[in-house]
Amino acid sequence: MAKAKSKRSDEESKPPGSPDQSALYHSYIFMTGAVTLSLELLASRILTPYFGVSLFIWSGILSITLIALSLGYYIGGRTTRIQPGERRFTLAFLFLLMPTLSGISIAGSCLLYPKIFHTLGSNNLVAGAYLACMLLIFLPLIAVSAMNPLLIAIQNERQSRGSQAGDSGSGLVFFVSTVGSVIGVSLTAFVFIPNLTNFNSMLILAAILSSISLTGGLTSSGLADGERNRLLGVAALGIVISLGLLAYAPSYLKKNESIRFGGNSWTLEREYTSMFGNTKILTIVPDTGASEASGSEKKVTYYYNDGITQNIIDPEGHSLTPFTYALEFLSLGLRPDAKDVLMLGLGAGIIPMRLADKGVSVDVVEINPSSIQAAEDYFGFDPSRANVVMTDARTYVRNCPKAYDVVLIDMSHGDGLPEYLLSREFFIDVRSCLTRDGIAVFNTFTSTQHLAAYYHIVKTLGSVFPHLLMYHDGLEDGKLAINIYLAGLQRPNANPFERPTDLVPPSMAEILAKVFSQSRPIDIALLAQAQVLEDEFNPFSFLNIESDQFFRESVLVTLPPEFLVN
């Protein structure tokens, strides 16, 4: 027994063993550091369709990440304090085992989250997001972070034998890991997210991690008897699980088949990936048992982006979303003489095309290239008939190249307008883009039971535009949510509002007639309680959390869970 312990101790004293192997071990730390930040970034994209985009999502990701890293450092450090003769495994074996344990955990989370996140998102926005973060990244990050103290201990034993003094190479270990994290963020943002689905990116990371363990098992000289075979076996299992699930992903996620949900047959026609969210084209046919031909006649097409339905069209290409026509009404009804229109956010591209049909010159600001491609491929958008500028809306309005008669704001991210576009400073920039009689038109959405939070937007807009008009189809009892259209005017409208008569298909006419039957009064009591949102202090995420929760629940019950997986 004593000889066996002595042999293990002798073997353990070898790693990294040589300068070349030491460099190899540091390369593993570099790669696992890259995975750490890559997992954080991918987690935020995976969570978006279920929980939206808000401060709470990122606080959950960062909190869970820091807790996992802390536990990993602690567990790894505590393991190294066990006396060499009492260890069941060598430090080198444990160090090389951690990547594949992390990879297997990632593969397990990919198996579970498409089935679980829908339920978590339906119950509680904040608590569900934290639990979802734990499922995605908690165990994988504990495993990879335990490698840092393990490698420091390995280097410390080597340094002690050489009678060297210093930090045992800990500074280099954390330097290499941190540089790896920087590379991981860049690689994920510019390679993985624009070109791969988040589900597939996670599995590729899992396979890479298991490959690290496999490479270490083949090359390390610091493994005791039997440890090499154990390590190679577990690493091979991790690779098989990751690559097997990657190959099986289309079937597992039902991407290539019609899904029956809510009395309809849903089909994913195409998915576009980009740094700014996943865009999906869905087709829906009423599941009535009708013939294939009649089903084709009833088919509608959805433009869906990270939890937001951007537009719906019928087989003839007519939009089935009232806001498409409502924004036209406000643009041409309040400014019938409009010649130049700026549209912030392309959506499906239907609105700029219809305005172009009226002889209006339209500039479109859009940051997501996949939105433009989807609009061209499925919704009849012709970029030659509108000037498309690929940039961020905030950047563009801060330096408008000309004055516009109308600025249309129809942007969404997560659960509505991005928070940085809900501030007094942004509205001031929008006003600076307008002519003297120009108007700003906003498409917004809110829960009718949480109007107090919505009025923070109204008050902020009113602090910049002295005249506000509000249009919606009423706040009757039982109505859970509404689209509200806001128009900000710098001066009272000189011309009476005239609703255009030739823009609307019959299916939308009744809805829009109700919306524009009158300008709705602004609730003075709610306005008095609201506050102006500013760049320096914008608590809208916190103030609007209940409305966000309602919105997420409405998304989750109206879409097949399979299509929420990006």
Protein backbone atom coordinates (compact mmCIF):
# COMPACT_ATOMS: atom_id res chain seq x y z
CA MET A 1 0.00 0.00 0.00
CA ALA A 2 2.79 2.36 0.93
CA LYS A 3 4.52 1.61 -2.35
CA ALA A 4 1.34 2.38 -4.28
CA LYS A 5 0.97 5.72 -2.52
CA SER A 6 4.59 6.51 -3.15
CA LYS A 7 4.20 5.70 -6.83
CA ARG A 8 1.18 7.99 -7.12
CA SER A 9 3.04 10.76 -5.34
CA ASP A 10 5.98 10.35 -7.68
CA GLU A 11 3.76 10.43 -10.72
CA GLU A 12 1.93 13.46 -9.41
CA SER A 13 5.16 15.33 -9.00
CA LYS A 14 5.79 15.21 -12.75
CA PRO A 15 3.20 17.52 -14.27
CA PRO A 16 3.52 19.77 -16.10
CA GLY A 17 6.86 17.93 -16.39
CA SER A 18 8.40 19.98 -19.18
CA PRO A 19 8.21 23.49 -20.59
CA ASP A 20 6.22 22.16 -23.56
CA GLN A 21 3.63 20.49 -21.34
CA SER A 22 3.43 23.56 -19.12
CA ALA A 23 2.58 25.61 -22.21
CA LEU A 24 -0.06 23.02 -23.13
CA TYR A 25 -1.67 23.29 -19.69
CA HIS A 26 -1.75 27.06 -20.01
CA SER A 27 -3.37 26.73 -23.42
CA TYR A 28 -6.14 24.74 -21.74
CA ILE A 29 -6.63 27.54 -19.24
CA PHE A 30 -6.77 30.00 -22.14
CA MET A 31 -9.48 27.98 -23.88
CA THR A 32 -11.58 27.45 -20.76
CA GLY A 33 -11.30 31.17 -20.01
CA ALA A 34 -12.70 31.81 -23.48
CA VAL A 35 -15.56 29.39 -22.82
CA THR A 36 -16.47 31.18 -19.58
CA LEU A 37 -17.36 34.48 -21.23
CA SER A 38 -18.74 32.77 -24.30
CA LEU A 39 -21.25 30.93 -22.10
CA GLU A 40 -22.34 34.21 -20.50
CA LEU A 41 -22.98 35.86 -23.85
CA LEU A 42 -24.79 32.85 -25.30
CA ALA A 43 -26.90 32.53 -22.16
CA SER A 44 -28.22 36.07 -22.65
CA ARG A 45 -29.30 35.19 -26.20
CA ILE A 46 -30.89 31.90 -25.17
CA LEU A 47 -32.91 33.57 -22.40
CA THR A 48 -34.29 36.41 -24.57
CA PRO A 49 -37.30 34.64 -26.19
CA TYR A 50 -38.40 33.35 -22.79
CA PHE A 51 -37.60 36.24 -20.47
CA GLY A 52 -36.98 39.25 -22.70
CA VAL A 53 -34.06 41.64 -22.47
CA SER A 54 -33.77 43.62 -19.29
CA LEU A 55 -31.52 44.51 -16.39
CA PHE A 56 -32.90 41.51 -14.49
CA ILE A 57 -31.70 39.05 -17.11
CA TRP A 58 -28.15 40.38 -17.01
CA SER A 59 -28.13 40.65 -13.23
CA GLY A 60 -29.11 36.99 -13.13
CA ILE A 61 -26.40 35.97 -15.57
CA LEU A 62 -23.70 37.96 -13.78
CA SER A 63 -24.80 36.84 -10.32
CA ILE A 64 -24.89 33.15 -11.24
CA THR A 65 -21.55 33.49 -13.06
CA LEU A 66 -19.81 35.05 -10.07
CA ILE A 67 -21.28 32.53 -7.63
CA ALA A 68 -20.21 29.64 -9.87
CA LEU A 69 -16.69 31.01 -10.31
CA SER A 70 -16.35 31.56 -6.57
CA LEU A 71 -17.46 28.01 -5.81
CA GLY A 72 -15.16 26.62 -8.48
CA TYR A 73 -12.16 28.48 -7.11
CA TYR A 74 -13.03 27.35 -3.58
CA ILE A 75 -13.59 23.70 -4.48
CA GLY A 76 -10.47 23.56 -6.60
CA GLY A 77 -8.39 25.23 -3.89
CA ARG A 78 -9.77 22.98 -1.16
CA THR A 79 -8.97 19.90 -3.22
CA THR A 80 -5.32 20.93 -3.57
CA ARG A 81 -4.93 21.06 0.23
CA ILE A 82 -5.47 17.32 0.55
CA GLN A 83 -2.13 15.61 1.23
CA PRO A 84 -0.68 13.85 -1.84
CA GLY A 85 -0.67 10.45 -0.16
CA GLU A 86 -4.37 10.75 0.74
CA ARG A 87 -5.65 11.86 -2.65
CA ARG A 88 -7.76 9.44 -4.61
CA PHE A 89 -6.72 11.09 -7.88
CA THR A 90 -3.73 13.12 -8.95
CA LEU A 91 -4.06 16.87 -9.41
CA ALA A 92 -3.22 16.45 -13.09
CA PHE A 93 -6.13 14.03 -13.55
CA LEU A 94 -8.56 16.37 -11.80
CA PHE A 95 -7.27 19.35 -13.79
CA LEU A 96 -7.77 17.53 -17.10
CA LEU A 97 -11.12 16.06 -16.06
CA MET A 98 -12.78 19.44 -15.41
CA PRO A 99 -13.20 20.49 -19.07
CA THR A 100 -15.12 17.35 -20.03
CA LEU A 101 -17.29 17.57 -16.91
CA SER A 102 -18.12 21.11 -17.97
CA GLY A 103 -18.82 19.97 -21.52
CA ILE A 104 -21.15 17.18 -20.40
CA SER A 105 -22.98 19.67 -18.16
CA ILE A 106 -23.47 22.01 -21.13
CA ALA A 107 -24.84 19.17 -23.26
CA GLY A 108 -27.21 18.26 -20.43
CA SER A 109 -28.46 21.84 -20.17
CA CYS A 110 -29.09 21.87 -23.94
CA LEU A 111 -31.21 18.75 -23.54
CA LEU A 112 -33.23 20.31 -20.73
CA TYR A 113 -33.71 23.99 -21.46
CA PRO A 114 -35.97 23.65 -24.54
CA LYS A 115 -38.35 21.65 -22.34
CA ILE A 116 -38.10 23.67 -19.12
CA PHE A 117 -37.64 27.36 -19.96
CA HIS A 118 -41.17 27.72 -21.32
CA THR A 119 -42.55 26.75 -17.89
CA LEU A 120 -40.08 28.94 -16.00
CA GLY A 121 -40.91 31.97 -18.14
CA SER A 122 -44.64 31.43 -17.67
CA ASN A 123 -44.44 31.60 -13.88
CA ASN A 124 -42.13 34.40 -12.80
CA LEU A 125 -39.96 36.67 -14.89
CA VAL A 126 -37.20 37.37 -12.34
CA ALA A 127 -37.10 34.08 -10.40
CA GLY A 128 -37.49 32.11 -13.62
CA ALA A 129 -34.59 33.96 -15.23
CA TYR A 130 -32.31 33.22 -12.28
CA LEU A 131 -33.25 29.52 -12.30
CA ALA A 132 -32.75 29.40 -16.05
CA CYS A 133 -29.27 30.91 -15.68
CA MET A 134 -28.39 28.28 -13.11
CA LEU A 135 -29.51 25.49 -15.41
CA LEU A 136 -27.49 26.85 -18.33
CA ILE A 137 -24.15 27.88 -16.85
CA PHE A 138 -23.84 27.08 -13.14
CA LEU A 139 -22.25 23.60 -13.23
CA PRO A 140 -20.15 24.22 -16.37
CA LEU A 141 -18.59 27.34 -14.82
CA ILE A 142 -17.87 25.63 -11.49
CA ALA A 143 -15.93 22.94 -13.34
CA VAL A 144 -13.80 25.21 -15.53
CA SER A 145 -13.05 27.70 -12.73
CA ALA A 146 -11.77 24.86 -10.50
CA MET A 147 -8.95 24.41 -13.03
CA ASN A 148 -7.19 27.64 -12.04
CA PRO A 149 -6.31 26.67 -8.44
CA LEU A 150 -5.54 23.13 -9.58
CA LEU A 151 -2.96 24.35 -12.09
CA ILE A 152 -1.47 26.75 -9.55
CA ALA A 153 -1.05 23.84 -7.13
CA ILE A 154 0.57 21.71 -9.84
CA GLN A 155 3.01 24.52 -10.59
CA ASN A 156 3.61 25.10 -6.88
CA GLU A 157 4.73 21.50 -6.38
CA ARG A 158 7.06 21.78 -9.35
CA GLN A 159 8.40 25.11 -8.08
CA SER A 160 8.98 23.70 -4.58
CA ARG A 161 11.13 20.90 -5.96
CA GLY A 162 13.22 23.45 -7.76
CA SER A 163 13.56 25.61 -4.63
CA GLN A 164 12.11 28.57 -6.51
CA ALA A 165 10.32 31.44 -4.88
CA GLY A 166 7.47 33.53 -6.17
CA ASP A 167 3.74 33.31 -6.84
CA SER A 168 3.76 29.70 -8.13
CA GLY A 169 2.76 31.05 -11.51
CA SER A 170 -0.66 32.17 -10.26
CA GLY A 171 -0.31 35.55 -11.91
CA LEU A 172 0.34 33.93 -15.27
CA VAL A 173 -2.58 31.52 -14.83
CA PHE A 174 -5.10 34.29 -14.21
CA PHE A 175 -3.54 36.46 -16.94
CA VAL A 176 -3.91 33.68 -19.51
CA SER A 177 -7.46 32.89 -18.36
CA THR A 178 -8.52 36.54 -18.58
CA VAL A 179 -7.01 37.02 -22.04
CA GLY A 180 -8.86 33.88 -23.10
CA SER A 181 -12.10 35.42 -21.83
CA VAL A 182 -11.54 38.49 -24.01
CA ILE A 183 -11.00 36.30 -27.06
CA GLY A 184 -14.06 34.23 -26.12
CA VAL A 185 -16.33 37.29 -26.10
CA SER A 186 -15.07 38.44 -29.50
CA LEU A 187 -15.28 34.97 -31.04
CA THR A 188 -18.83 34.50 -29.79
CA ALA A 189 -20.02 37.96 -30.88
CA PHE A 190 -18.45 37.93 -34.35
CA VAL A 191 -18.38 34.23 -35.28
CA PHE A 192 -20.79 32.08 -33.29
CA ILE A 193 -23.81 34.36 -32.95
CA PRO A 194 -23.92 35.73 -36.53
CA ASN A 195 -23.41 32.30 -38.14
CA LEU A 196 -24.80 29.64 -35.80
CA THR A 197 -27.85 29.11 -33.66
CA ASN A 198 -27.26 29.51 -29.94
CA PHE A 199 -28.21 25.86 -29.34
CA ASN A 200 -25.53 24.64 -31.77
CA SER A 201 -22.94 27.09 -30.41
CA MET A 202 -23.40 25.70 -26.90
CA LEU A 203 -22.87 22.15 -28.14
CA ILE A 204 -19.76 23.14 -30.07
CA LEU A 205 -18.35 24.61 -26.85
CA ALA A 206 -19.21 21.36 -25.08
CA ALA A 207 -17.36 19.34 -27.72
CA ILE A 208 -14.32 21.64 -27.51
CA LEU A 209 -14.16 21.25 -23.74
CA SER A 210 -14.29 17.45 -23.96
CA SER A 211 -11.62 17.57 -26.66
CA ILE A 212 -9.35 19.43 -24.23
CA SER A 213 -9.64 16.55 -21.78
CA LEU A 214 -9.06 14.03 -24.55
CA THR A 215 -5.91 15.83 -25.70
CA GLY A 216 -4.67 16.08 -22.12
CA GLY A 217 -5.28 12.38 -21.56
CA LEU A 218 -3.21 11.53 -24.62
CA THR A 219 -0.28 13.84 -23.86
CA SER A 220 0.01 14.33 -20.08
CA SER A 221 2.82 12.57 -18.23
CA GLY A 222 1.43 13.32 -14.78
CA LEU A 223 -1.32 10.68 -14.62
CA ALA A 224 -1.22 7.71 -12.26
CA ASP A 225 -2.01 4.11 -13.24
CA GLY A 226 -5.49 3.80 -14.69
CA GLU A 227 -6.19 7.53 -14.72
CA ARG A 228 -5.34 7.93 -18.38
CA ASN A 229 -7.91 5.37 -19.49
CA ARG A 230 -10.57 6.85 -17.20
CA LEU A 231 -9.91 10.32 -18.54
CA LEU A 232 -9.96 9.21 -22.17
CA GLY A 233 -13.20 7.30 -21.60
CA VAL A 234 -15.03 10.23 -20.00
CA ALA A 235 -13.69 12.67 -22.60
CA ALA A 236 -14.77 10.42 -25.46
CA LEU A 237 -18.22 10.13 -23.86
CA GLY A 238 -18.45 13.93 -23.67
CA ILE A 239 -17.52 14.31 -27.34
CA VAL A 240 -20.02 11.66 -28.42
CA ILE A 241 -22.84 13.25 -26.40
CA SER A 242 -22.09 16.77 -27.67
CA LEU A 243 -21.64 15.90 -31.34
CA GLY A 244 -24.49 13.39 -31.25
CA LEU A 245 -26.91 15.99 -29.92
CA LEU A 246 -25.53 18.51 -32.42
CA ALA A 247 -26.30 16.13 -35.28
CA TYR A 248 -29.71 15.29 -33.81
CA ALA A 249 -30.60 18.92 -33.05
CA PRO A 250 -32.98 19.53 -35.99
CA SER A 251 -35.04 16.48 -35.04
CA TYR A 252 -34.85 17.16 -31.29
CA LEU A 253 -36.03 20.75 -31.78
CA LYS A 254 -38.53 19.73 -34.49
CA LYS A 255 -37.17 22.29 -36.91
CA ASN A 256 -38.02 20.28 -40.00
CA GLU A 257 -41.58 19.30 -39.22
CA SER A 258 -44.95 20.94 -38.79
CA ILE A 259 -46.08 21.41 -35.21
CA ARG A 260 -49.71 21.39 -34.16
CA PHE A 261 -50.38 24.11 -31.63
CA GLY A 262 -53.45 26.17 -30.80
CA GLY A 263 -55.55 24.63 -33.56
CA ASN A 264 -52.97 25.43 -36.24
CA SER A 265 -50.10 23.73 -38.02
CA TRP A 266 -46.91 25.73 -37.58
CA THR A 267 -43.82 25.38 -39.77
CA LEU A 268 -40.42 27.03 -39.47
CA GLU A 269 -39.64 28.22 -42.99
CA ARG A 270 -36.30 29.84 -42.29
CA GLU A 271 -34.11 31.09 -39.45
CA TYR A 272 -31.68 34.00 -39.78
CA THR A 273 -28.88 34.48 -37.26
CA SER A 274 -27.09 37.74 -36.49
CA MET A 275 -25.46 39.65 -33.65
CA PHE A 276 -28.79 41.39 -33.07
CA GLY A 277 -31.08 38.44 -32.54
CA ASN A 278 -32.54 35.45 -34.32
CA THR A 279 -35.16 36.14 -36.95
CA LYS A 280 -37.60 33.36 -37.83
CA ILE A 281 -40.12 33.07 -40.61
CA LEU A 282 -43.06 30.93 -39.50
CA THR A 283 -46.03 29.83 -41.56
CA ILE A 284 -49.33 28.87 -40.00
CA VAL A 285 -52.20 26.93 -41.55
CA PRO A 286 -55.48 26.32 -39.67
CA ASP A 287 -55.50 22.64 -38.74
CA THR A 288 -58.97 21.88 -40.04
CA GLY A 289 -58.28 18.74 -42.04
CA ALA A 290 -58.87 20.63 -45.27
CA SER A 291 -57.13 19.77 -48.49
CA GLU A 292 -53.59 20.84 -49.16
CA ALA A 293 -54.71 23.40 -51.73
CA SER A 294 -57.23 25.07 -49.47
CA GLY A 295 -54.72 24.99 -46.65
CA SER A 296 -52.27 26.88 -48.84
CA GLU A 297 -54.87 29.55 -49.47
CA LYS A 298 -55.32 30.08 -45.73
CA LYS A 299 -51.62 30.11 -44.89
CA VAL A 300 -50.30 33.19 -43.11
CA THR A 301 -46.67 34.13 -42.60
CA TYR A 302 -45.21 35.40 -39.32
CA TYR A 303 -42.12 37.55 -38.98
CA TYR A 304 -40.76 36.66 -35.55
CA ASN A 305 -37.71 38.07 -33.80
CA ASP A 306 -36.59 37.07 -30.29
CA GLY A 307 -40.02 37.02 -28.74
CA ILE A 308 -41.61 39.78 -30.81
CA THR A 309 -44.02 39.21 -33.68
CA GLN A 310 -42.96 41.94 -36.06
CA ASN A 311 -45.63 41.38 -38.67
CA ILE A 312 -48.08 38.90 -40.15
CA ILE A 313 -49.16 38.72 -43.78
CA ASP A 314 -51.83 36.76 -45.61
CA PRO A 315 -51.18 34.84 -48.86
CA GLU A 316 -51.80 38.03 -50.89
CA GLY A 317 -49.12 39.90 -48.96
CA HIS A 318 -51.54 42.09 -46.96
CA SER A 319 -50.45 42.82 -43.42
CA LEU A 320 -52.68 41.41 -40.68
CA THR A 321 -51.23 43.63 -37.97
CA PRO A 322 -53.14 46.87 -37.27
CA PHE A 323 -50.04 48.87 -36.32
CA THR A 324 -48.79 48.64 -39.92
CA TYR A 325 -51.70 50.77 -41.08
CA ALA A 326 -51.92 52.84 -37.91
CA LEU A 327 -48.46 54.28 -38.46
CA GLU A 328 -49.41 55.15 -42.02
CA PHE A 329 -52.58 56.83 -40.77
CA LEU A 330 -50.68 59.04 -38.39
CA SER A 331 -47.96 59.88 -40.91
CA LEU A 332 -50.23 60.79 -43.80
CA GLY A 333 -53.21 61.88 -41.74
CA LEU A 334 -51.32 64.42 -39.63
CA ARG A 335 -48.89 65.40 -42.38
CA PRO A 336 -50.62 64.79 -45.74
CA ASP A 337 -47.94 66.95 -47.36
CA ALA A 338 -45.07 64.83 -45.96
CA LYS A 339 -42.22 64.39 -48.42
CA ASP A 340 -39.41 63.02 -46.26
CA VAL A 341 -39.94 60.33 -43.61
CA LEU A 342 -37.39 58.74 -41.29
CA MET A 343 -38.27 55.29 -40.00
CA LEU A 344 -36.32 53.93 -37.04
CA GLY A 345 -36.59 50.16 -37.26
CA LEU A 346 -37.42 48.31 -40.47
CA GLY A 347 -39.61 45.52 -39.12
CA ALA A 348 -40.92 43.55 -42.10
CA GLY A 349 -40.37 46.53 -44.42
CA ILE A 350 -44.06 46.88 -45.32
CA ILE A 351 -44.54 50.43 -44.03
CA PRO A 352 -41.70 52.06 -46.01
CA MET A 353 -42.91 50.31 -49.17
CA ARG A 354 -46.45 51.61 -48.73
CA LEU A 355 -45.16 55.12 -48.04
CA ALA A 356 -42.97 54.90 -51.14
CA ASP A 357 -46.08 53.97 -53.12
CA LYS A 358 -47.48 57.37 -52.08
CA GLY A 359 -44.43 59.19 -53.44
CA VAL A 360 -42.81 59.71 -50.03
CA SER A 361 -39.02 59.57 -49.72
CA VAL A 362 -38.17 57.16 -46.88
CA ASP A 363 -34.92 56.74 -44.98
CA VAL A 364 -34.80 53.57 -42.85
CA VAL A 365 -32.38 53.06 -39.95
CA GLU A 366 -31.86 49.38 -39.14
CA ILE A 367 -29.03 47.74 -37.23
CA ASN A 368 -29.89 44.09 -37.90
CA PRO A 369 -28.81 42.85 -41.37
CA SER A 370 -30.93 39.71 -41.05
CA SER A 371 -34.05 41.87 -40.69
CA ILE A 372 -33.35 43.44 -44.06
CA GLN A 373 -32.74 40.06 -45.67
CA ALA A 374 -35.92 38.54 -44.20
CA ALA A 375 -37.97 41.54 -45.31
CA GLU A 376 -36.64 41.14 -48.85
CA ASP A 377 -37.11 37.37 -48.97
CA TYR A 378 -40.64 37.12 -47.58
CA PHE A 379 -42.35 40.52 -47.24
CA GLY A 380 -41.77 42.31 -50.51
CA PHE A 381 -39.28 44.89 -49.26
CA ASP A 382 -37.32 46.52 -52.09
CA PRO A 383 -34.21 48.31 -50.74
CA SER A 384 -33.88 50.25 -54.01
CA ARG A 385 -37.07 52.16 -53.12
CA ALA A 386 -35.86 53.28 -49.68
CA ASN A 387 -32.56 54.53 -48.36
CA VAL A 388 -31.45 51.97 -45.77
CA VAL A 389 -28.80 53.05 -43.27
CA MET A 390 -27.15 50.29 -41.25
CA THR A 391 -26.48 51.87 -37.87
CA ASP A 392 -27.86 52.31 -34.39
CA ALA A 393 -30.92 54.58 -34.14
CA ARG A 394 -29.49 56.60 -31.26
CA THR A 395 -26.34 57.32 -33.24
CA TYR A 396 -28.27 58.35 -36.34
CA VAL A 397 -30.68 60.80 -34.71
CA ARG A 398 -27.85 62.46 -32.83
CA ASN A 399 -26.40 63.54 -36.20
CA CYS A 400 -29.35 63.71 -38.60
CA PRO A 401 -28.19 64.60 -42.12
CA LYS A 402 -31.45 66.44 -42.89
CA ALA A 403 -34.78 67.49 -41.41
CA TYR A 404 -37.75 65.15 -41.80
CA ASP A 405 -41.47 65.80 -41.93
CA VAL A 406 -42.15 62.61 -39.95
CA VAL A 407 -40.03 60.32 -37.77
CA LEU A 408 -41.57 56.88 -37.22
CA ILE A 409 -40.28 54.90 -34.24
CA ASP A 410 -41.12 51.21 -34.53
CA MET A 411 -38.27 49.40 -32.83
CA SER A 412 -38.37 46.48 -30.48
CA HIS A 413 -35.89 44.51 -28.45
CA GLY A 414 -36.91 41.96 -25.87
CA ASP A 415 -40.21 43.31 -24.60
CA GLY A 416 -40.62 46.64 -26.37
CA LEU A 417 -38.63 49.75 -27.09
CA PRO A 418 -35.01 49.38 -25.95
CA GLU A 419 -34.49 51.18 -22.65
CA TYR A 420 -31.80 53.50 -23.99
CA LEU A 421 -34.36 54.77 -26.50
CA LEU A 422 -36.80 55.65 -23.73
CA SER A 423 -35.13 58.73 -22.38
CA ARG A 424 -35.63 62.46 -22.60
CA GLU A 425 -32.28 62.87 -24.32
CA PHE A 426 -33.27 60.48 -27.11
CA PHE A 427 -36.56 62.27 -27.67
CA ILE A 428 -34.68 65.58 -27.87
CA ASP A 429 -32.47 64.09 -30.58
CA VAL A 430 -35.59 62.89 -32.44
CA ARG A 431 -37.06 66.40 -32.28
CA SER A 432 -33.85 67.82 -33.71
CA CYS A 433 -34.37 65.60 -36.79
CA LEU A 434 -37.74 67.19 -37.56
CA THR A 435 -38.80 70.18 -39.59
CA ARG A 436 -40.61 72.98 -37.77
CA ASP A 437 -43.97 71.29 -38.34
CA GLY A 438 -42.61 67.77 -38.20
CA ILE A 439 -44.11 65.05 -36.02
CA ALA A 440 -42.74 62.01 -34.22
CA VAL A 441 -44.91 58.87 -34.22
CA PHE A 442 -44.41 55.96 -31.81
CA ASN A 443 -45.79 52.43 -31.90
CA THR A 444 -45.96 51.14 -28.31
CA PHE A 445 -47.51 48.22 -26.47
CA THR A 446 -48.61 47.91 -22.86
CA SER A 447 -50.63 45.89 -20.41
CA THR A 448 -53.83 47.72 -19.54
CA GLN A 449 -53.47 46.73 -15.89
CA HIS A 450 -50.08 48.39 -15.64
CA LEU A 451 -50.70 51.75 -17.25
CA ALA A 452 -48.95 53.60 -14.41
CA ALA A 453 -45.61 52.24 -15.65
CA TYR A 454 -46.47 53.11 -19.24
CA TYR A 455 -47.13 56.73 -18.33
CA HIS A 456 -43.45 57.23 -17.55
CA ILE A 457 -42.97 57.06 -21.34
CA VAL A 458 -45.85 59.47 -21.91
CA LYS A 459 -44.47 61.98 -19.43
CA THR A 460 -40.95 61.73 -20.86
CA LEU A 461 -42.21 62.30 -24.38
CA GLY A 462 -44.36 65.20 -23.17
CA SER A 463 -41.34 66.86 -21.61
CA VAL A 464 -39.91 67.26 -25.12
CA PHE A 465 -42.99 67.63 -27.34
CA PRO A 466 -45.48 70.18 -26.04
CA HIS A 467 -48.41 68.56 -27.88
CA LEU A 468 -49.21 64.86 -27.62
CA LEU A 469 -51.88 62.83 -29.36
CA MET A 470 -52.77 59.33 -28.16
CA TYR A 471 -54.71 56.75 -30.16
CA HIS A 472 -55.85 53.25 -29.20
CA ASP A 473 -59.00 51.16 -29.36
CA GLY A 474 -60.19 51.68 -25.79
CA LEU A 475 -59.58 50.41 -22.28
CA GLU A 476 -62.71 48.35 -21.74
CA ASP A 477 -62.88 45.91 -18.85
CA GLY A 478 -61.39 42.56 -19.75
CA LYS A 479 -58.94 43.92 -22.31
CA LEU A 480 -55.52 42.77 -21.20
CA ALA A 481 -53.22 44.64 -23.58
CA ILE A 482 -53.32 47.29 -26.26
CA ASN A 483 -51.19 48.99 -28.86
CA ILE A 484 -50.95 52.70 -28.17
CA TYR A 485 -49.91 55.10 -30.91
CA LEU A 486 -48.37 58.35 -29.74
CA ALA A 487 -47.75 61.41 -31.88
CA GLY A 488 -45.47 64.16 -30.63
CA LEU A 489 -46.02 67.58 -32.20
CA GLN A 490 -43.97 70.73 -31.80
CA ARG A 491 -46.96 72.93 -32.63
CA PRO A 492 -50.71 72.29 -32.72
CA ASN A 493 -51.68 70.48 -35.88
CA ALA A 494 -52.78 73.08 -38.41
CA ASN A 495 -54.86 70.61 -40.39
CA PRO A 496 -57.62 68.43 -38.96
CA PHE A 497 -56.70 64.78 -38.81
CA GLU A 498 -58.13 62.93 -41.80
CA ARG A 499 -58.09 59.17 -41.81
CA PRO A 500 -56.93 57.87 -45.21
CA THR A 501 -59.46 55.62 -46.88
CA ASP A 502 -57.41 53.65 -49.37
CA LEU A 503 -54.75 52.02 -47.24
CA VAL A 504 -56.58 49.28 -45.40
CA PRO A 505 -57.83 45.83 -46.42
CA PRO A 506 -61.36 45.06 -45.19
CA SER A 507 -60.14 42.77 -42.41
CA MET A 508 -58.37 45.71 -40.72
CA ALA A 509 -60.88 48.47 -41.42
CA GLU A 510 -63.13 47.91 -38.40
CA ILE A 511 -60.24 47.75 -35.94
CA LEU A 512 -58.60 50.90 -37.25
CA ALA A 513 -61.86 52.81 -37.46
CA LYS A 514 -62.20 52.28 -33.70
CA VAL A 515 -58.59 53.24 -33.02
CA PHE A 516 -58.88 56.51 -34.93
CA SER A 517 -62.43 57.42 -34.09
CA GLN A 518 -60.99 59.96 -31.68
CA SER A 519 -57.83 61.11 -29.99
CA ARG A 520 -57.85 59.53 -26.55
CA PRO A 521 -57.48 61.76 -23.49
CA ILE A 522 -54.26 61.50 -21.52
CA ASP A 523 -54.88 60.46 -17.92
CA ILE A 524 -53.84 63.49 -15.86
CA ALA A 525 -53.69 61.54 -12.59
CA LEU A 526 -51.35 58.87 -14.01
CA LEU A 527 -49.27 61.55 -15.68
CA ALA A 528 -48.83 63.40 -12.40
CA GLN A 529 -47.50 60.25 -10.70
CA ALA A 530 -45.06 59.45 -13.52
CA GLN A 531 -41.46 60.60 -13.74
CA VAL A 532 -39.28 61.75 -16.62
CA LEU A 533 -36.83 59.06 -17.74
CA GLU A 534 -33.31 60.30 -18.37
CA ASP A 535 -30.07 58.74 -19.51
CA GLU A 536 -28.55 59.41 -16.12
CA PHE A 537 -31.41 57.77 -14.23
CA ASN A 538 -33.74 55.43 -16.08
CA PRO A 539 -35.45 52.89 -13.79
CA PHE A 540 -37.95 51.82 -16.45
CA SER A 541 -36.93 48.13 -16.32
CA PHE A 542 -37.83 48.03 -12.65
CA LEU A 543 -40.98 50.14 -13.00
CA ASN A 544 -42.27 48.11 -15.93
CA ILE A 545 -41.45 44.62 -14.67
CA GLU A 546 -45.07 43.52 -14.18
CA SER A 547 -45.99 44.59 -17.69
CA ASP A 548 -42.92 42.77 -19.02
CA GLN A 549 -44.03 39.65 -17.20
CA PHE A 550 -47.46 39.92 -18.80
CA PHE A 551 -45.90 40.35 -22.23
CA ARG A 552 -43.68 37.29 -21.81
CA GLU A 553 -46.64 35.19 -20.69
CA SER A 554 -48.63 36.29 -23.73
CA VAL A 555 -45.76 35.30 -26.02
CA LEU A 556 -45.30 31.92 -24.38
CA VAL A 557 -48.95 30.92 -24.72
CA THR A 558 -49.30 31.98 -28.35
CA LEU A 559 -46.23 30.31 -29.86
CA PRO A 560 -45.17 26.64 -29.94
CA PRO A 561 -42.40 26.12 -27.35
CA GLU A 562 -40.19 24.54 -30.02
CA PHE A 563 -39.95 27.83 -31.91
CA LEU A 564 -38.69 29.74 -28.88
CA VAL A 565 -35.35 27.93 -29.08
CA ASN A 566 -32.81 30.00 -31.01
